[in-house]
């Protein structure tokens, strides 16, 4: 399973929101976060949280192609393409 989460800084001011996505029980699961810009306020929080869960597959994708008109739509397209599993959540 691939858990896909587009984020914006205002979405994740509370680090517990990131942690909700990270604990995975299966070795093939992965969690992908995406931001449009590496200056997004969510980037340091996502990176810090990922250090607390080193056993799972975790990736932070920065930048999105011109897919849709809203930032999260652009991120969703990239997340789906980058996912390594068939089941997307």
Protein backbone atom coordinates (compact mmCIF):
# COMPACT_ATOMS: atom_id res chain seq x y z
CA UNK A 1 0.00 0.00 0.00
CA UNK A 2 1.19 3.53 -0.78
CA UNK A 3 -0.16 6.31 1.43
CA UNK A 4 -0.13 9.57 -0.54
CA UNK A 5 -0.31 12.89 1.28
CA UNK A 6 -0.07 16.27 -0.43
CA UNK A 7 0.76 18.90 2.19
CA UNK A 8 0.96 22.63 2.65
CA UNK A 9 2.62 24.26 5.67
CA UNK A 10 -0.65 25.36 7.20
CA UNK A 11 -1.96 21.79 7.05
CA UNK A 12 0.73 20.38 9.32
CA UNK A 13 1.51 22.87 12.05
CA UNK A 14 0.73 20.12 14.52
CA UNK A 15 3.40 17.37 14.18
CA UNK A 16 0.91 14.73 15.34
CA UNK A 17 -0.89 15.11 12.01
CA UNK A 18 2.22 13.87 10.21
CA UNK A 19 2.69 10.99 12.63
CA UNK A 20 -0.80 9.71 11.84
CA UNK A 21 0.45 8.70 8.41
CA UNK A 22 3.84 7.24 9.35
CA UNK A 23 3.47 4.10 11.46
CA UNK A 24 3.10 1.26 8.98
CA UNK A 25 2.93 -2.41 9.97
CA UNK A 26 3.91 -3.95 6.67
CA UNK A 27 7.39 -3.88 5.16
CA UNK A 28 6.17 -3.09 1.63
CA UNK A 29 4.06 -0.10 2.69
CA UNK A 30 5.32 3.36 1.88
CA UNK A 31 4.31 6.87 2.82
CA UNK A 32 4.80 9.68 0.32
CA UNK A 33 4.42 13.35 1.20
CA UNK A 34 4.56 16.09 -1.46
CA UNK A 35 5.11 19.83 -1.28
CA UNK A 36 5.31 22.28 -4.15
CA UNK A 37 8.26 24.22 -2.75
CA UNK A 38 11.21 23.26 -0.53
CA UNK A 39 10.58 26.46 1.47
CA UNK A 40 7.16 25.19 2.56
CA UNK A 41 6.74 25.28 6.34
CA UNK A 42 5.79 21.58 6.33
CA UNK A 43 9.20 20.43 5.01
CA UNK A 44 11.16 20.57 8.31
CA UNK A 45 8.27 18.97 10.20
CA UNK A 46 7.93 16.11 7.70
CA UNK A 47 11.69 15.49 7.70
CA UNK A 48 11.87 15.52 11.50
CA UNK A 49 8.95 13.13 11.80
CA UNK A 50 10.49 10.77 9.26
CA UNK A 51 13.58 10.42 11.46
CA UNK A 52 11.33 9.06 14.21
CA UNK A 53 10.12 6.27 11.90
CA UNK A 54 13.22 5.01 10.08
CA UNK A 55 11.97 1.46 9.55
CA UNK A 56 9.23 2.29 7.05
CA UNK A 57 9.56 3.49 3.50
CA UNK A 58 9.18 7.23 3.55
CA UNK A 59 9.68 9.88 0.89
CA UNK A 60 9.20 13.60 0.68
CA UNK A 61 8.71 14.82 -2.89
CA UNK A 62 9.40 18.48 -3.62
CA UNK A 63 7.99 20.15 -6.70
CA UNK A 64 5.07 19.30 -8.91
CA UNK A 65 4.41 19.51 -12.60
CA UNK A 66 1.61 21.55 -14.12
CA UNK A 67 -1.16 19.05 -13.36
CA UNK A 68 -4.43 20.73 -12.45
CA UNK A 69 -5.05 24.21 -11.16
CA UNK A 70 -4.80 23.73 -7.40
CA UNK A 71 -1.50 23.01 -5.61
CA UNK A 72 -2.76 19.81 -4.02
CA UNK A 73 -4.02 18.55 -7.37
CA UNK A 74 -0.58 19.05 -8.84
CA UNK A 75 0.95 17.17 -5.93
CA UNK A 76 -1.56 14.31 -6.21
CA UNK A 77 -0.55 13.64 -9.81
CA UNK A 78 3.10 13.38 -8.88
CA UNK A 79 2.39 11.25 -5.82
CA UNK A 80 0.40 8.74 -7.88
CA UNK A 81 3.19 8.48 -10.47
CA UNK A 82 5.91 8.03 -7.83
CA UNK A 83 4.03 5.40 -5.78
CA UNK A 84 5.60 1.95 -5.90
CA UNK A 85 2.54 -0.06 -4.88
CA UNK A 86 -0.72 -0.81 -6.65
CA UNK A 87 -2.99 0.18 -3.74
CA UNK A 88 -3.07 3.95 -3.24
CA UNK A 89 -4.56 5.60 -0.17
